[in-house]
């Protein structure tokens, strides 16, 4: 199912997301 993996050093995914520029950002859990 996984096309690629990228390790990022920060606690938050902010910089990773800036570089990835997702069309769809998926998160799991019971969060809104």
ModelCIF file with pLDDT and N, C-alpha, C, O atoms, coordinates in Angstrom:
data_MODEL
#
_entry.id   MODEL 
#
_entity.id                         1 
_entity.type                       polymer 
_entity.pdbx_number_of_molecules   1 
#
_entity_poly.entity_id                      1 
_entity_poly.type                           'polypeptide(L)' 
_entity_poly.nstd_linkage                   no 
_entity_poly.nstd_monomer                   no 
_entity_poly.pdbx_seq_one_letter_code       
;(UNK)(UNK)(UNK)(UNK)(UNK)(UNK)(UNK)(UNK)(UNK)(UNK)(UNK)(UNK)(UNK)(UNK)(UNK)(UNK)
(UNK)(UNK)(UNK)(UNK)(UNK)(UNK)(UNK)(UNK)(UNK)(UNK)(UNK)(UNK)(UNK)(UNK)(UNK)(UNK)
;
_entity_poly.pdbx_seq_one_letter_code_can   XXXXXXXXXXXXXXXXXXXXXXXXXXXXXXXX 
_entity_poly.pdbx_strand_id                 A 
#
loop_
_entity_poly_seq.entity_id 
_entity_poly_seq.num 
_entity_poly_seq.mon_id 
_entity_poly_seq.hetero 
1 1  UNK n 
1 2  UNK n 
1 3  UNK n 
1 4  UNK n 
1 5  UNK n 
1 6  UNK n 
1 7  UNK n 
1 8  UNK n 
1 9  UNK n 
1 10 UNK n 
1 11 UNK n 
1 12 UNK n 
1 13 UNK n 
1 14 UNK n 
1 15 UNK n 
1 16 UNK n 
1 17 UNK n 
1 18 UNK n 
1 19 UNK n 
1 20 UNK n 
1 21 UNK n 
1 22 UNK n 
1 23 UNK n 
1 24 UNK n 
1 25 UNK n 
1 26 UNK n 
1 27 UNK n 
1 28 UNK n 
1 29 UNK n 
1 30 UNK n 
1 31 UNK n 
1 32 UNK n 
#
_struct_asym.id          A 
_struct_asym.entity_id   1 
#
loop_
_ma_qa_metric.id 
_ma_qa_metric.mode 
_ma_qa_metric.name 
_ma_qa_metric.software_group_id 
_ma_qa_metric.type 
1 global pLDDT . pLDDT 
2 local  pLDDT . pLDDT 
#
_ma_qa_metric_global.metric_id      1 
_ma_qa_metric_global.metric_value   94.44 
_ma_qa_metric_global.model_id       1 
_ma_qa_metric_global.ordinal_id     1 
#
loop_
_ma_qa_metric_local.label_asym_id 
_ma_qa_metric_local.label_comp_id 
_ma_qa_metric_local.label_seq_id 
_ma_qa_metric_local.metric_id 
_ma_qa_metric_local.metric_value 
_ma_qa_metric_local.model_id 
_ma_qa_metric_local.ordinal_id 
A UNK 1  2 98.00 1 1  
A UNK 2  2 98.00 1 2  
A UNK 3  2 98.00 1 3  
A UNK 4  2 98.00 1 4  
A UNK 5  2 98.00 1 5  
A UNK 6  2 98.00 1 6  
A UNK 7  2 98.00 1 7  
A UNK 8  2 98.00 1 8  
A UNK 9  2 98.00 1 9  
A UNK 10 2 96.00 1 10 
A UNK 11 2 94.00 1 11 
A UNK 12 2 94.00 1 12 
A UNK 13 2 96.00 1 13 
A UNK 14 2 96.00 1 14 
A UNK 15 2 97.00 1 15 
A UNK 16 2 98.00 1 16 
A UNK 17 2 98.00 1 17 
A UNK 18 2 98.00 1 18 
A UNK 19 2 98.00 1 19 
A UNK 20 2 98.00 1 20 
A UNK 21 2 98.00 1 21 
A UNK 22 2 98.00 1 22 
A UNK 23 2 98.00 1 23 
A UNK 24 2 98.00 1 24 
A UNK 25 2 98.00 1 25 
A UNK 26 2 97.00 1 26 
A UNK 27 2 94.00 1 27 
A UNK 28 2 87.00 1 28 
A UNK 29 2 77.00 1 29 
A UNK 30 2 71.00 1 30 
A UNK 31 2 77.00 1 31 
A UNK 32 2 84.00 1 32 
#
loop_
_atom_site.group_PDB 
_atom_site.id 
_atom_site.type_symbol 
_atom_site.label_atom_id 
_atom_site.label_alt_id 
_atom_site.label_comp_id 
_atom_site.label_asym_id 
_atom_site.label_entity_id 
_atom_site.label_seq_id 
_atom_site.pdbx_PDB_ins_code 
_atom_site.Cartn_x 
_atom_site.Cartn_y 
_atom_site.Cartn_z 
_atom_site.occupancy 
_atom_site.B_iso_or_equiv 
_atom_site.pdbx_formal_charge 
_atom_site.auth_seq_id 
_atom_site.auth_comp_id 
_atom_site.auth_asym_id 
_atom_site.auth_atom_id 
_atom_site.pdbx_PDB_model_num 
ATOM 1   N N  . UNK A 1 1  ? 0.808   -1.218 0.000  1.00 98.00 ? 1  UNK A N  1 
ATOM 2   C CA . UNK A 1 1  ? 0.000   0.000  0.000  1.00 98.00 ? 1  UNK A CA 1 
ATOM 3   C C  . UNK A 1 1  ? 0.843   1.272  0.000  1.00 98.00 ? 1  UNK A C  1 
ATOM 4   O O  . UNK A 1 1  ? 0.358   2.334  -0.388 1.00 98.00 ? 1  UNK A O  1 
ATOM 5   N N  . UNK A 1 2  ? 2.094   1.176  0.428  1.00 98.00 ? 2  UNK A N  1 
ATOM 6   C CA . UNK A 1 2  ? 2.948   2.356  0.592  1.00 98.00 ? 2  UNK A CA 1 
ATOM 7   C C  . UNK A 1 2  ? 3.793   2.580  -0.657 1.00 98.00 ? 2  UNK A C  1 
ATOM 8   O O  . UNK A 1 2  ? 4.533   1.699  -1.094 1.00 98.00 ? 2  UNK A O  1 
ATOM 9   N N  . UNK A 1 3  ? 3.665   3.781  -1.222 1.00 98.00 ? 3  UNK A N  1 
ATOM 10  C CA . UNK A 1 3  ? 4.430   4.146  -2.411 1.00 98.00 ? 3  UNK A CA 1 
ATOM 11  C C  . UNK A 1 3  ? 5.823   4.639  -2.037 1.00 98.00 ? 3  UNK A C  1 
ATOM 12  O O  . UNK A 1 3  ? 6.802   4.329  -2.716 1.00 98.00 ? 3  UNK A O  1 
ATOM 13  N N  . UNK A 1 4  ? 5.907   5.414  -0.944 1.00 98.00 ? 4  UNK A N  1 
ATOM 14  C CA . UNK A 1 4  ? 7.191   5.954  -0.498 1.00 98.00 ? 4  UNK A CA 1 
ATOM 15  C C  . UNK A 1 4  ? 7.106   6.314  0.977  1.00 98.00 ? 4  UNK A C  1 
ATOM 16  O O  . UNK A 1 4  ? 6.024   6.507  1.531  1.00 98.00 ? 4  UNK A O  1 
ATOM 17  N N  . UNK A 1 5  ? 8.291   6.400  1.604  1.00 98.00 ? 5  UNK A N  1 
ATOM 18  C CA . UNK A 1 5  ? 8.421   6.750  3.024  1.00 98.00 ? 5  UNK A CA 1 
ATOM 19  C C  . UNK A 1 5  ? 9.494   7.825  3.139  1.00 98.00 ? 5  UNK A C  1 
ATOM 20  O O  . UNK A 1 5  ? 10.518  7.774  2.458  1.00 98.00 ? 5  UNK A O  1 
ATOM 21  N N  . UNK A 1 6  ? 9.245   8.791  4.003  1.00 98.00 ? 6  UNK A N  1 
ATOM 22  C CA . UNK A 1 6  ? 10.221  9.854  4.236  1.00 98.00 ? 6  UNK A CA 1 
ATOM 23  C C  . UNK A 1 6  ? 10.289  10.145 5.725  1.00 98.00 ? 6  UNK A C  1 
ATOM 24  O O  . UNK A 1 6  ? 9.274   10.468 6.342  1.00 98.00 ? 6  UNK A O  1 
ATOM 25  N N  . UNK A 1 7  ? 11.482  10.032 6.310  1.00 98.00 ? 7  UNK A N  1 
ATOM 26  C CA . UNK A 1 7  ? 11.676  10.309 7.735  1.00 98.00 ? 7  UNK A CA 1 
ATOM 27  C C  . UNK A 1 7  ? 11.855  11.812 7.922  1.00 98.00 ? 7  UNK A C  1 
ATOM 28  O O  . UNK A 1 7  ? 12.587  12.464 7.177  1.00 98.00 ? 7  UNK A O  1 
ATOM 29  N N  . UNK A 1 8  ? 11.162  12.353 8.944  1.00 98.00 ? 8  UNK A N  1 
ATOM 30  C CA . UNK A 1 8  ? 11.337  13.772 9.259  1.00 98.00 ? 8  UNK A CA 1 
ATOM 31  C C  . UNK A 1 8  ? 11.652  13.930 10.741 1.00 98.00 ? 8  UNK A C  1 
ATOM 32  O O  . UNK A 1 8  ? 11.144  13.164 11.561 1.00 98.00 ? 8  UNK A O  1 
ATOM 33  N N  . UNK A 1 9  ? 12.490  14.922 11.105 1.00 98.00 ? 9  UNK A N  1 
ATOM 34  C CA . UNK A 1 9  ? 12.989  15.008 12.476 1.00 98.00 ? 9  UNK A CA 1 
ATOM 35  C C  . UNK A 1 9  ? 12.111  15.769 13.462 1.00 98.00 ? 9  UNK A C  1 
ATOM 36  O O  . UNK A 1 9  ? 12.313  15.648 14.671 1.00 98.00 ? 9  UNK A O  1 
ATOM 37  N N  . UNK A 1 10 ? 11.159  16.537 12.995 1.00 96.00 ? 10 UNK A N  1 
ATOM 38  C CA . UNK A 1 10 ? 10.360  17.367 13.880 1.00 96.00 ? 10 UNK A CA 1 
ATOM 39  C C  . UNK A 1 10 ? 9.218   16.573 14.526 1.00 96.00 ? 10 UNK A C  1 
ATOM 40  O O  . UNK A 1 10 ? 8.826   15.516 14.032 1.00 96.00 ? 10 UNK A O  1 
ATOM 41  N N  . UNK A 1 11 ? 8.697   17.096 15.627 1.00 94.00 ? 11 UNK A N  1 
ATOM 42  C CA . UNK A 1 11 ? 7.536   16.488 16.274 1.00 94.00 ? 11 UNK A CA 1 
ATOM 43  C C  . UNK A 1 11 ? 6.309   16.676 15.391 1.00 94.00 ? 11 UNK A C  1 
ATOM 44  O O  . UNK A 1 11 ? 5.540   15.736 15.187 1.00 94.00 ? 11 UNK A O  1 
ATOM 45  N N  . UNK A 1 12 ? 6.126   17.853 14.879 1.00 94.00 ? 12 UNK A N  1 
ATOM 46  C CA . UNK A 1 12 ? 5.000   18.151 13.981 1.00 94.00 ? 12 UNK A CA 1 
ATOM 47  C C  . UNK A 1 12 ? 5.425   17.917 12.543 1.00 94.00 ? 12 UNK A C  1 
ATOM 48  O O  . UNK A 1 12 ? 6.604   18.011 12.203 1.00 94.00 ? 12 UNK A O  1 
ATOM 49  N N  . UNK A 1 13 ? 4.461   17.617 11.719 1.00 96.00 ? 13 UNK A N  1 
ATOM 50  C CA . UNK A 1 13 ? 4.734   17.284 10.315 1.00 96.00 ? 13 UNK A CA 1 
ATOM 51  C C  . UNK A 1 13 ? 4.741   18.503 9.405  1.00 96.00 ? 13 UNK A C  1 
ATOM 52  O O  . UNK A 1 13 ? 4.653   18.347 8.187  1.00 96.00 ? 13 UNK A O  1 
ATOM 53  N N  . UNK A 1 14 ? 4.839   19.684 9.940  1.00 96.00 ? 14 UNK A N  1 
ATOM 54  C CA . UNK A 1 14 ? 4.687   20.918 9.170  1.00 96.00 ? 14 UNK A CA 1 
ATOM 55  C C  . UNK A 1 14 ? 5.638   21.001 7.978  1.00 96.00 ? 14 UNK A C  1 
ATOM 56  O O  . UNK A 1 14 ? 5.193   21.180 6.844  1.00 96.00 ? 14 UNK A O  1 
ATOM 57  N N  . UNK A 1 15 ? 6.925   20.875 8.218  1.00 97.00 ? 15 UNK A N  1 
ATOM 58  C CA . UNK A 1 15 ? 7.901   20.981 7.108  1.00 97.00 ? 15 UNK A CA 1 
ATOM 59  C C  . UNK A 1 15 ? 7.721   19.834 6.125  1.00 97.00 ? 15 UNK A C  1 
ATOM 60  O O  . UNK A 1 15 ? 7.764   20.043 4.913  1.00 97.00 ? 15 UNK A O  1 
ATOM 61  N N  . UNK A 1 16 ? 7.520   18.627 6.635  1.00 98.00 ? 16 UNK A N  1 
ATOM 62  C CA . UNK A 1 16 ? 7.275   17.473 5.768  1.00 98.00 ? 16 UNK A CA 1 
ATOM 63  C C  . UNK A 1 16 ? 6.080   17.730 4.851  1.00 98.00 ? 16 UNK A C  1 
ATOM 64  O O  . UNK A 1 16 ? 6.158   17.474 3.650  1.00 98.00 ? 16 UNK A O  1 
ATOM 65  N N  . UNK A 1 17 ? 4.988   18.228 5.399  1.00 98.00 ? 17 UNK A N  1 
ATOM 66  C CA . UNK A 1 17 ? 3.797   18.505 4.589  1.00 98.00 ? 17 UNK A CA 1 
ATOM 67  C C  . UNK A 1 17 ? 4.055   19.598 3.548  1.00 98.00 ? 17 UNK A C  1 
ATOM 68  O O  . UNK A 1 17 ? 3.534   19.533 2.435  1.00 98.00 ? 17 UNK A O  1 
ATOM 69  N N  . UNK A 1 18 ? 4.857   20.600 3.912  1.00 98.00 ? 18 UNK A N  1 
ATOM 70  C CA . UNK A 1 18 ? 5.203   21.658 2.953  1.00 98.00 ? 18 UNK A CA 1 
ATOM 71  C C  . UNK A 1 18 ? 5.939   21.097 1.748  1.00 98.00 ? 18 UNK A C  1 
ATOM 72  O O  . UNK A 1 18 ? 5.728   21.545 0.621  1.00 98.00 ? 18 UNK A O  1 
ATOM 73  N N  . UNK A 1 19 ? 6.798   20.121 1.985  1.00 98.00 ? 19 UNK A N  1 
ATOM 74  C CA . UNK A 1 19 ? 7.549   19.498 0.896  1.00 98.00 ? 19 UNK A CA 1 
ATOM 75  C C  . UNK A 1 19 ? 6.699   18.485 0.126  1.00 98.00 ? 19 UNK A C  1 
ATOM 76  O O  . UNK A 1 19 ? 6.834   18.351 -1.091 1.00 98.00 ? 19 UNK A O  1 
ATOM 77  N N  . UNK A 1 20 ? 5.827   17.778 0.836  1.00 98.00 ? 20 UNK A N  1 
ATOM 78  C CA . UNK A 1 20 ? 5.012   16.722 0.210  1.00 98.00 ? 20 UNK A CA 1 
ATOM 79  C C  . UNK A 1 20 ? 3.849   17.286 -0.599 1.00 98.00 ? 20 UNK A C  1 
ATOM 80  O O  . UNK A 1 20 ? 3.451   16.693 -1.601 1.00 98.00 ? 20 UNK A O  1 
ATOM 81  N N  . UNK A 1 21 ? 3.303   18.415 -0.181 1.00 98.00 ? 21 UNK A N  1 
ATOM 82  C CA . UNK A 1 21 ? 2.177   19.056 -0.865 1.00 98.00 ? 21 UNK A CA 1 
ATOM 83  C C  . UNK A 1 21 ? 1.063   18.053 -1.200 1.00 98.00 ? 21 UNK A C  1 
ATOM 84  O O  . UNK A 1 21 ? 0.779   17.807 -2.372 1.00 98.00 ? 21 UNK A O  1 
ATOM 85  N N  . UNK A 1 22 ? 0.444   17.482 -0.179 1.00 98.00 ? 22 UNK A N  1 
ATOM 86  C CA . UNK A 1 22 ? -0.545  16.430 -0.420 1.00 98.00 ? 22 UNK A CA 1 
ATOM 87  C C  . UNK A 1 22 ? -1.808  16.927 -1.110 1.00 98.00 ? 22 UNK A C  1 
ATOM 88  O O  . UNK A 1 22 ? -2.274  18.041 -0.869 1.00 98.00 ? 22 UNK A O  1 
ATOM 89  N N  . UNK A 1 23 ? -2.342  16.082 -1.964 1.00 98.00 ? 23 UNK A N  1 
ATOM 90  C CA . UNK A 1 23 ? -3.682  16.327 -2.494 1.00 98.00 ? 23 UNK A CA 1 
ATOM 91  C C  . UNK A 1 23 ? -4.692  15.928 -1.430 1.00 98.00 ? 23 UNK A C  1 
ATOM 92  O O  . UNK A 1 23 ? -5.741  16.554 -1.278 1.00 98.00 ? 23 UNK A O  1 
ATOM 93  N N  . UNK A 1 24 ? -4.353  14.872 -0.697 1.00 98.00 ? 24 UNK A N  1 
ATOM 94  C CA . UNK A 1 24 ? -5.201  14.374 0.382  1.00 98.00 ? 24 UNK A CA 1 
ATOM 95  C C  . UNK A 1 24 ? -4.301  14.060 1.573  1.00 98.00 ? 24 UNK A C  1 
ATOM 96  O O  . UNK A 1 24 ? -3.343  13.297 1.451  1.00 98.00 ? 24 UNK A O  1 
ATOM 97  N N  . UNK A 1 25 ? -4.611  14.646 2.710  1.00 98.00 ? 25 UNK A N  1 
ATOM 98  C CA . UNK A 1 25 ? -3.872  14.395 3.946  1.00 98.00 ? 25 UNK A CA 1 
ATOM 99  C C  . UNK A 1 25 ? -4.762  13.541 4.828  1.00 98.00 ? 25 UNK A C  1 
ATOM 100 O O  . UNK A 1 25 ? -5.852  13.966 5.213  1.00 98.00 ? 25 UNK A O  1 
ATOM 101 N N  . UNK A 1 26 ? -4.306  12.340 5.150  1.00 97.00 ? 26 UNK A N  1 
ATOM 102 C CA . UNK A 1 26 ? -5.098  11.392 5.912  1.00 97.00 ? 26 UNK A CA 1 
ATOM 103 C C  . UNK A 1 26 ? -4.520  11.267 7.321  1.00 97.00 ? 26 UNK A C  1 
ATOM 104 O O  . UNK A 1 26 ? -3.315  11.107 7.514  1.00 97.00 ? 26 UNK A O  1 
ATOM 105 N N  . UNK A 1 27 ? -5.420  11.345 8.288  1.00 94.00 ? 27 UNK A N  1 
ATOM 106 C CA . UNK A 1 27 ? -5.044  11.109 9.680  1.00 94.00 ? 27 UNK A CA 1 
ATOM 107 C C  . UNK A 1 27 ? -6.008  10.096 10.261 1.00 94.00 ? 27 UNK A C  1 
ATOM 108 O O  . UNK A 1 27 ? -7.164  10.009 9.847  1.00 94.00 ? 27 UNK A O  1 
ATOM 109 N N  . UNK A 1 28 ? -5.523  9.339  11.214 1.00 87.00 ? 28 UNK A N  1 
ATOM 110 C CA . UNK A 1 28 ? -6.356  8.343  11.859 1.00 87.00 ? 28 UNK A CA 1 
ATOM 111 C C  . UNK A 1 28 ? -6.739  8.780  13.246 1.00 87.00 ? 28 UNK A C  1 
ATOM 112 O O  . UNK A 1 28 ? -6.173  9.724  13.796 1.00 87.00 ? 28 UNK A O  1 
ATOM 113 N N  . UNK A 1 29 ? -7.693  8.093  13.800 1.00 77.00 ? 29 UNK A N  1 
ATOM 114 C CA . UNK A 1 29 ? -8.048  8.349  15.182 1.00 77.00 ? 29 UNK A CA 1 
ATOM 115 C C  . UNK A 1 29 ? -9.435  8.898  15.355 1.00 77.00 ? 29 UNK A C  1 
ATOM 116 O O  . UNK A 1 29 ? -10.260 8.905  14.442 1.00 77.00 ? 29 UNK A O  1 
ATOM 117 N N  . UNK A 1 30 ? -9.656  9.356  16.560 1.00 71.00 ? 30 UNK A N  1 
ATOM 118 C CA . UNK A 1 30 ? -10.964 9.889  16.888 1.00 71.00 ? 30 UNK A CA 1 
ATOM 119 C C  . UNK A 1 30 ? -10.948 11.416 16.904 1.00 71.00 ? 30 UNK A C  1 
ATOM 120 O O  . UNK A 1 30 ? -11.768 12.049 17.569 1.00 71.00 ? 30 UNK A O  1 
ATOM 121 N N  . UNK A 1 31 ? -10.019 11.989 16.176 1.00 77.00 ? 31 UNK A N  1 
ATOM 122 C CA . UNK A 1 31 ? -9.932  13.443 16.065 1.00 77.00 ? 31 UNK A CA 1 
ATOM 123 C C  . UNK A 1 31 ? -10.848 13.944 14.966 1.00 77.00 ? 31 UNK A C  1 
ATOM 124 O O  . UNK A 1 31 ? -11.211 13.204 14.052 1.00 77.00 ? 31 UNK A O  1 
ATOM 125 N N  . UNK A 1 32 ? -11.214 15.200 15.067 1.00 84.00 ? 32 UNK A N  1 
ATOM 126 C CA . UNK A 1 32 ? -11.884 15.865 13.953 1.00 84.00 ? 32 UNK A CA 1 
ATOM 127 C C  . UNK A 1 32 ? -10.822 16.699 13.233 1.00 84.00 ? 32 UNK A C  1 
ATOM 128 O O  . UNK A 1 32 ? -11.126 17.367 12.245 1.00 84.00 ? 32 UNK A O  1 
#
